[in-house]
């Protein structure tokens, strides 16, 4: 009888241990909810780089504008129903990991090292870029090939936080060119060094170079941006790796801007499309048919608000970088797949 009782108690004890262990594991595995924190706070903390014309730049009166800023605003419109409910600050990956910001929209390149060692998740490429060079016109080189024929050139590159330094080192080693690298710790410092004549050339993302060049309208002829790129720079928002729901939401904010462009939905016609379209994916996208908010705990019109308040991908690109901006950049790889680019949205079903 005692042996039977001991067996029963042993089984009950083991069951309790299993239940407790399962409960403890579920508590440990429970992710933090960035979405809940943002909704309770009332604004999105967005990390940007304030020295990227066309992408993120702050005016003298404190107003932030740019491609990256608009995607911060798109996230706020989805989550808080107000595209202006953002707090943009000049931050980098360490601030994201430390919890100072909710999302990083700072033109960060999605690399293997960052993805696997820095405790962040990249939510999907929203801009395809490549790094290139800007030089002084009096150097006498109009393209990269001509510059490679010159010996002893000094090339400025941002050290540590940028992929530019490693790309430049790889290029010099591969092409065996006799250039000297001048490492600068900050972007502002690099531009001061370059425009001050300390460097013959500077390396940075090709689109950022075009933006810097366009800003110097009075002296644009004194500088040359080479047409070639020497790297792949897939730019992506980044979030902390402890909240996959938030990562998915940041990703789908980008996807719905692309999907809207694919479906011909713009900031101007979104209300007409919502009232009149019979296409199932369009109706789901704009919240007419239910279900789009279920996976995030949002209402079904969150994507409609993104398009209504901020625009589709083309609206965002052309306003900040393309034909409606001072930069007049072509879409190139950043076009939709129907138009020869690399962007397309997963199915909305």
Protein backbone atom coordinates (compact mmCIF):
# COMPACT_ATOMS: atom_id res chain seq x y z
CA UNK A 1 0.00 0.00 0.00
CA UNK A 2 2.82 2.37 0.92
CA UNK A 3 4.61 1.56 -2.32
CA UNK A 4 1.47 2.37 -4.29
CA UNK A 5 1.09 5.65 -2.37
CA UNK A 6 4.72 6.55 -3.03
CA UNK A 7 4.21 5.84 -6.75
CA UNK A 8 1.13 8.07 -6.87
CA UNK A 9 2.91 10.89 -5.05
CA UNK A 10 5.89 10.48 -7.35
CA UNK A 11 3.69 10.75 -10.41
CA UNK A 12 1.87 13.78 -8.96
CA UNK A 13 5.18 15.39 -8.10
CA UNK A 14 6.55 14.78 -11.58
CA UNK A 15 3.38 16.17 -13.14
CA UNK A 16 3.61 19.27 -10.98
CA UNK A 17 7.25 19.68 -11.96
CA UNK A 18 6.38 19.37 -15.63
CA UNK A 19 3.54 21.88 -15.29
CA UNK A 20 5.71 24.29 -13.34
CA UNK A 21 8.57 23.92 -15.81
CA UNK A 22 6.23 24.57 -18.70
CA UNK A 23 4.87 27.65 -16.94
CA UNK A 24 8.36 28.91 -16.14
CA UNK A 25 9.50 28.39 -19.73
CA UNK A 26 6.44 30.20 -21.05
CA UNK A 27 7.21 33.12 -18.75
CA UNK A 28 10.84 33.23 -19.83
CA UNK A 29 9.93 32.90 -23.52
CA UNK A 30 7.26 35.59 -23.39
CA UNK A 31 8.52 38.39 -25.64
CA UNK A 32 8.29 42.04 -24.78
CA UNK A 33 5.56 43.97 -26.57
CA UNK A 34 6.94 47.00 -28.33
CA UNK A 35 3.52 47.59 -29.86
CA UNK A 36 1.92 47.86 -26.43
CA UNK A 37 4.67 50.17 -25.17
CA UNK A 38 4.28 52.46 -28.20
CA UNK A 39 0.50 52.61 -27.85
CA UNK A 40 0.74 53.43 -24.14
CA UNK A 41 3.43 56.05 -24.77
CA UNK A 42 1.58 57.66 -27.68
CA UNK A 43 4.47 58.04 -30.15
CA UNK A 44 7.08 55.98 -31.98
CA UNK A 45 10.72 56.50 -31.05
CA UNK A 46 12.52 56.40 -34.38
CA UNK A 47 16.30 56.35 -34.75
CA UNK A 48 17.59 58.10 -37.86
CA UNK A 49 20.72 59.70 -39.23
CA UNK A 50 20.22 63.43 -39.50
CA UNK A 51 22.82 64.00 -42.19
CA UNK A 52 21.31 62.17 -45.15
CA UNK A 53 19.61 64.60 -47.54
CA UNK A 54 16.55 63.00 -49.08
CA UNK A 55 16.49 60.24 -46.47
CA UNK A 56 16.48 61.97 -43.09
CA UNK A 57 17.38 65.57 -42.43
CA UNK A 58 16.28 68.15 -39.89
CA UNK A 59 15.47 71.71 -40.87
CA UNK A 60 16.44 74.78 -38.89
CA UNK A 61 12.97 74.86 -37.32
CA UNK A 62 13.36 71.25 -36.14
CA UNK A 63 11.16 69.57 -38.74
CA UNK A 64 12.31 66.14 -39.94
CA UNK A 65 11.77 65.12 -43.58
CA UNK A 66 12.95 62.38 -45.91
CA UNK A 67 12.39 58.86 -47.21
CA UNK A 68 13.31 57.19 -43.91
CA UNK A 69 11.27 59.71 -41.94
CA UNK A 70 8.20 58.91 -44.04
CA UNK A 71 8.52 55.24 -43.13
CA UNK A 72 8.68 56.27 -39.46
CA UNK A 73 5.49 58.22 -40.07
CA UNK A 74 3.90 55.27 -41.87
CA UNK A 75 4.51 53.09 -38.82
CA UNK A 76 2.95 55.71 -36.55
CA UNK A 77 -0.10 56.00 -38.80
CA UNK A 78 -0.60 52.23 -38.63
CA UNK A 79 -0.15 51.89 -34.88
CA UNK A 80 -1.34 55.22 -33.50
CA UNK A 81 -3.61 56.50 -36.31
CA UNK A 82 -1.45 59.62 -36.54
CA UNK A 83 1.54 59.86 -38.87
CA UNK A 84 2.93 62.79 -36.89
CA UNK A 85 3.15 60.78 -33.66
CA UNK A 86 6.89 60.16 -33.94
CA UNK A 87 9.97 61.27 -32.07
CA UNK A 88 12.94 61.17 -34.43
CA UNK A 89 16.45 61.34 -33.01
CA UNK A 90 19.96 60.81 -34.29
CA UNK A 91 20.74 57.26 -33.15
CA UNK A 92 22.52 54.11 -34.27
CA UNK A 93 22.29 50.34 -33.63
CA UNK A 94 23.58 50.48 -30.06
CA UNK A 95 20.65 52.71 -29.08
CA UNK A 96 18.22 50.20 -30.61
CA UNK A 97 19.75 47.29 -28.68
CA UNK A 98 19.71 49.37 -25.50
CA UNK A 99 16.00 50.12 -25.82
CA UNK A 100 16.32 53.86 -26.41
CA UNK A 101 14.35 53.64 -29.67
CA UNK A 102 11.64 51.38 -31.13
CA UNK A 103 12.92 51.16 -34.69
CA UNK A 104 16.05 52.17 -36.59
CA UNK A 105 15.49 53.94 -39.91
CA UNK A 106 19.05 55.20 -40.38
CA UNK A 107 20.03 53.81 -43.77
CA UNK A 108 21.61 50.75 -42.17
CA UNK A 109 22.86 48.06 -44.54
CA UNK A 110 21.62 44.53 -43.86
CA UNK A 111 24.85 42.56 -43.44
CA UNK A 112 25.69 39.10 -42.13
CA UNK A 113 27.68 40.48 -39.21
CA UNK A 114 24.99 42.87 -38.06
CA UNK A 115 22.29 40.26 -38.45
CA UNK A 116 24.09 37.56 -36.46
CA UNK A 117 26.07 39.40 -33.80
CA UNK A 118 24.32 42.65 -32.88
CA UNK A 119 21.01 41.43 -31.36
CA UNK A 120 18.88 43.10 -34.01
CA UNK A 121 16.48 41.89 -36.68
CA UNK A 122 16.21 43.41 -40.14
CA UNK A 123 12.61 43.63 -41.26
CA UNK A 124 13.14 43.62 -45.03
CA UNK A 125 14.88 45.65 -47.71
CA UNK A 126 13.13 48.89 -48.58
CA UNK A 127 15.93 50.53 -50.55
CA UNK A 128 18.58 49.02 -52.83
CA UNK A 129 21.77 51.04 -52.91
CA UNK A 130 25.50 50.67 -53.53
CA UNK A 131 28.56 52.57 -52.41
CA UNK A 132 30.54 54.82 -54.71
CA UNK A 133 32.83 57.83 -54.76
CA UNK A 134 32.72 61.60 -54.95
CA UNK A 135 35.83 63.53 -55.95
CA UNK A 136 37.04 67.05 -56.61
CA UNK A 137 36.59 68.00 -60.27
CA UNK A 138 40.13 69.38 -60.45
CA UNK A 139 41.42 65.85 -59.92
CA UNK A 140 40.62 65.31 -63.59
CA UNK A 141 38.77 61.99 -63.23
CA UNK A 142 35.23 61.58 -64.52
CA UNK A 143 34.76 57.94 -63.54
CA UNK A 144 36.22 55.25 -61.33
CA UNK A 145 38.41 53.80 -64.06
CA UNK A 146 40.22 57.11 -64.55
CA UNK A 147 40.67 57.53 -60.79
CA UNK A 148 42.24 54.08 -60.54
CA UNK A 149 45.03 55.24 -62.84
CA UNK A 150 46.11 57.87 -60.33
CA UNK A 151 48.56 56.98 -57.58
CA UNK A 152 48.59 58.12 -53.96
CA UNK A 153 45.02 59.40 -53.77
CA UNK A 154 43.65 59.97 -50.28
CA UNK A 155 40.17 58.53 -49.78
CA UNK A 156 38.01 59.50 -46.78
CA UNK A 157 35.85 56.78 -45.22
CA UNK A 158 33.80 56.59 -42.04
CA UNK A 159 35.38 54.08 -39.68
CA UNK A 160 33.80 51.48 -37.39
CA UNK A 161 30.05 52.05 -37.76
CA UNK A 162 29.91 52.13 -41.57
CA UNK A 163 30.34 49.39 -44.15
CA UNK A 164 32.26 51.90 -46.29
CA UNK A 165 35.64 51.22 -44.70
CA UNK A 166 35.54 47.46 -45.25
CA UNK A 167 34.21 47.92 -48.80
CA UNK A 168 37.04 50.34 -49.57
CA UNK A 169 39.67 48.04 -48.07
CA UNK A 170 38.35 45.11 -50.13
CA UNK A 171 38.31 47.22 -53.31
CA UNK A 172 41.89 48.45 -52.84
CA UNK A 173 43.13 44.93 -52.15
CA UNK A 174 41.25 43.41 -55.08
CA UNK A 175 42.19 46.09 -57.63
CA UNK A 176 45.69 46.67 -56.19
CA UNK A 177 45.43 50.46 -56.41
CA UNK A 178 47.85 52.69 -54.52
CA UNK A 179 45.36 54.74 -52.51
CA UNK A 180 45.63 55.91 -48.91
CA UNK A 181 42.62 55.50 -46.63
CA UNK A 182 41.84 58.39 -44.29
CA UNK A 183 39.60 57.07 -41.52
CA UNK A 184 37.13 59.57 -40.06
CA UNK A 185 35.00 58.76 -37.04
CA UNK A 186 31.83 60.64 -37.98
CA UNK A 187 29.93 61.52 -41.12
CA UNK A 188 30.10 65.24 -40.41
CA UNK A 189 33.84 64.90 -39.93
CA UNK A 190 34.21 63.06 -43.21
CA UNK A 191 32.41 65.77 -45.17
CA UNK A 192 34.45 68.49 -43.47
CA UNK A 193 37.63 66.62 -44.37
CA UNK A 194 36.58 66.08 -47.98
CA UNK A 195 35.22 69.53 -48.75
CA UNK A 196 38.12 71.05 -46.84
CA UNK A 197 40.60 69.39 -49.20
CA UNK A 198 42.04 66.84 -46.79
CA UNK A 199 40.91 63.99 -49.07
CA UNK A 200 40.88 63.61 -52.84
CA UNK A 201 37.80 61.37 -52.72
CA UNK A 202 35.17 60.15 -50.27
CA UNK A 203 33.20 56.91 -50.27
CA UNK A 204 29.57 56.59 -49.21
CA UNK A 205 26.22 55.24 -50.41
CA UNK A 206 25.69 56.35 -54.01
CA UNK A 207 22.31 57.94 -53.32
CA UNK A 208 23.68 59.83 -50.32
CA UNK A 209 26.49 61.15 -52.52
CA UNK A 210 23.93 62.37 -55.05
CA UNK A 211 22.06 64.11 -52.24
CA UNK A 212 25.17 65.81 -50.91
CA UNK A 213 26.08 66.88 -54.44
CA UNK A 214 22.61 68.28 -55.13
CA UNK A 215 22.70 70.34 -51.95
CA UNK A 216 25.82 72.19 -53.10
CA UNK A 217 24.10 73.80 -56.07
CA UNK A 218 26.37 76.84 -56.10
CA UNK A 219 29.51 74.72 -56.36
CA UNK A 220 28.20 71.49 -57.91
CA UNK A 221 30.58 71.81 -60.88
CA UNK A 222 33.53 71.58 -58.48
CA UNK A 223 32.72 67.96 -57.65
CA UNK A 224 32.10 64.73 -59.53
CA UNK A 225 30.04 61.73 -58.35
CA UNK A 226 31.29 58.65 -60.20
CA UNK A 227 28.55 56.56 -61.86
CA UNK A 228 29.98 53.23 -60.67
CA UNK A 229 29.18 51.42 -57.43
CA UNK A 230 31.51 48.92 -55.74
CA UNK A 231 29.14 47.18 -53.33
CA UNK A 232 25.63 45.99 -52.63
CA UNK A 233 23.94 48.04 -49.92
CA UNK A 234 20.48 46.64 -49.14
CA UNK A 235 19.03 49.15 -46.70
CA UNK A 236 16.52 47.92 -44.15
CA UNK A 237 14.78 49.09 -41.00
CA UNK A 238 16.04 47.30 -37.90
CA UNK A 239 14.33 46.32 -34.66
CA UNK A 240 15.40 44.45 -31.52
CA UNK A 241 15.42 40.67 -31.84
CA UNK A 242 13.15 40.09 -28.83
CA UNK A 243 9.84 41.02 -30.46
CA UNK A 244 8.89 39.22 -33.67
CA UNK A 245 5.40 40.71 -33.81
CA UNK A 246 6.93 44.19 -33.97
CA UNK A 247 9.42 43.06 -36.60
CA UNK A 248 6.56 41.69 -38.73
CA UNK A 249 4.59 44.89 -38.34
CA UNK A 250 7.53 47.06 -39.43
CA UNK A 251 8.03 44.74 -42.40
CA UNK A 252 4.39 44.84 -43.46
CA UNK A 253 4.23 48.61 -43.25
CA UNK A 254 6.78 48.61 -46.07
CA UNK A 255 5.02 45.79 -47.92
CA UNK A 256 1.65 47.56 -47.97
CA UNK A 257 3.22 50.67 -49.55
CA UNK A 258 4.60 48.44 -52.31
CA UNK A 259 1.34 46.50 -52.65
CA UNK A 260 -0.58 49.75 -52.99
CA UNK A 261 1.67 50.82 -55.85
CA UNK A 262 1.22 47.42 -57.51
CA UNK A 263 -2.57 47.81 -57.28
CA UNK A 264 -2.53 51.41 -58.52
CA UNK A 265 -3.60 52.84 -55.15
CA UNK A 266 -2.12 56.25 -54.42
CA UNK A 267 -2.45 58.80 -51.65
CA UNK A 268 -4.74 60.77 -53.97
CA UNK A 269 -7.13 57.98 -55.04
CA UNK A 270 -7.15 55.75 -51.94
CA UNK A 271 -10.65 56.81 -50.84
CA UNK A 272 -12.07 56.18 -54.32
CA UNK A 273 -10.42 52.74 -54.43
CA UNK A 274 -11.72 51.92 -50.98
CA UNK A 275 -15.28 52.80 -51.98
CA UNK A 276 -15.28 51.22 -55.43
CA UNK A 277 -12.74 48.42 -55.88
CA UNK A 278 -14.03 44.87 -56.17
CA UNK A 279 -10.56 43.25 -56.14
CA UNK A 280 -10.29 41.00 -53.05
CA UNK A 281 -6.68 41.95 -52.20
CA UNK A 282 -7.46 45.66 -52.56
CA UNK A 283 -10.49 45.32 -50.32
CA UNK A 284 -8.41 43.50 -47.69
CA UNK A 285 -5.59 46.04 -47.98
CA UNK A 286 -7.93 48.97 -47.39
CA UNK A 287 -9.91 47.34 -44.60
CA UNK A 288 -13.18 46.90 -46.47
CA UNK A 289 -13.01 43.14 -45.97
CA UNK A 290 -12.00 42.17 -42.46
CA UNK A 291 -8.87 40.43 -41.22
CA UNK A 292 -5.81 42.58 -41.98
CA UNK A 293 -5.38 43.74 -38.40
CA UNK A 294 -6.01 40.42 -36.67
CA UNK A 295 -2.43 39.19 -36.57
CA UNK A 296 -1.15 42.42 -35.01
CA UNK A 297 -4.02 43.28 -32.70
CA UNK A 298 -4.75 46.38 -34.79
CA UNK A 299 -7.92 47.51 -36.50
CA UNK A 300 -8.43 46.49 -40.13
CA UNK A 301 -7.83 49.99 -41.53
CA UNK A 302 -4.19 50.34 -40.42
CA UNK A 303 -2.86 49.87 -43.97
CA UNK A 304 -5.47 52.27 -45.37
CA UNK A 305 -4.15 54.92 -42.98
CA UNK A 306 -0.56 54.30 -44.14
CA UNK A 307 -1.56 55.06 -47.73
CA UNK A 308 -3.94 57.89 -46.83
CA UNK A 309 -1.56 59.71 -44.49
CA UNK A 310 1.84 58.93 -46.06
CA UNK A 311 1.35 57.34 -49.50
CA UNK A 312 2.38 54.29 -51.49
CA UNK A 313 6.03 53.49 -52.21
CA UNK A 314 6.09 55.65 -55.35
CA UNK A 315 4.56 58.59 -53.48
CA UNK A 316 7.26 58.32 -50.80
CA UNK A 317 10.14 57.85 -53.25
CA UNK A 318 9.20 60.58 -55.70
CA UNK A 319 8.46 63.12 -52.95
CA UNK A 320 11.82 62.67 -51.23
CA UNK A 321 14.24 61.40 -53.86
CA UNK A 322 12.65 61.35 -57.30
CA UNK A 323 11.00 63.69 -59.74
CA UNK A 324 9.29 65.80 -57.07
CA UNK A 325 12.54 66.41 -55.18
CA UNK A 326 15.73 68.34 -55.90
CA UNK A 327 17.59 65.06 -56.43
CA UNK A 328 15.64 63.74 -59.43
CA UNK A 329 16.81 60.18 -58.83
CA UNK A 330 15.54 57.44 -61.10
CA UNK A 331 13.82 54.48 -59.50
CA UNK A 332 16.24 51.87 -60.90
CA UNK A 333 16.29 48.75 -58.71
CA UNK A 334 13.84 50.48 -56.40
CA UNK A 335 11.02 50.15 -58.88
CA UNK A 336 8.34 47.50 -58.59
CA UNK A 337 8.87 44.14 -60.25
CA UNK A 338 6.38 45.02 -63.00
CA UNK A 339 8.64 47.91 -64.01
CA UNK A 340 12.01 46.15 -63.89
CA UNK A 341 12.81 46.74 -60.22
CA UNK A 342 13.27 44.42 -57.25
CA UNK A 343 10.33 45.42 -55.05
CA UNK A 344 7.22 43.32 -54.68
CA UNK A 345 4.86 42.57 -51.84
CA UNK A 346 3.89 39.12 -50.58
CA UNK A 347 0.22 38.18 -51.17
CA UNK A 348 -2.33 39.88 -48.92
CA UNK A 349 -4.23 36.77 -48.00
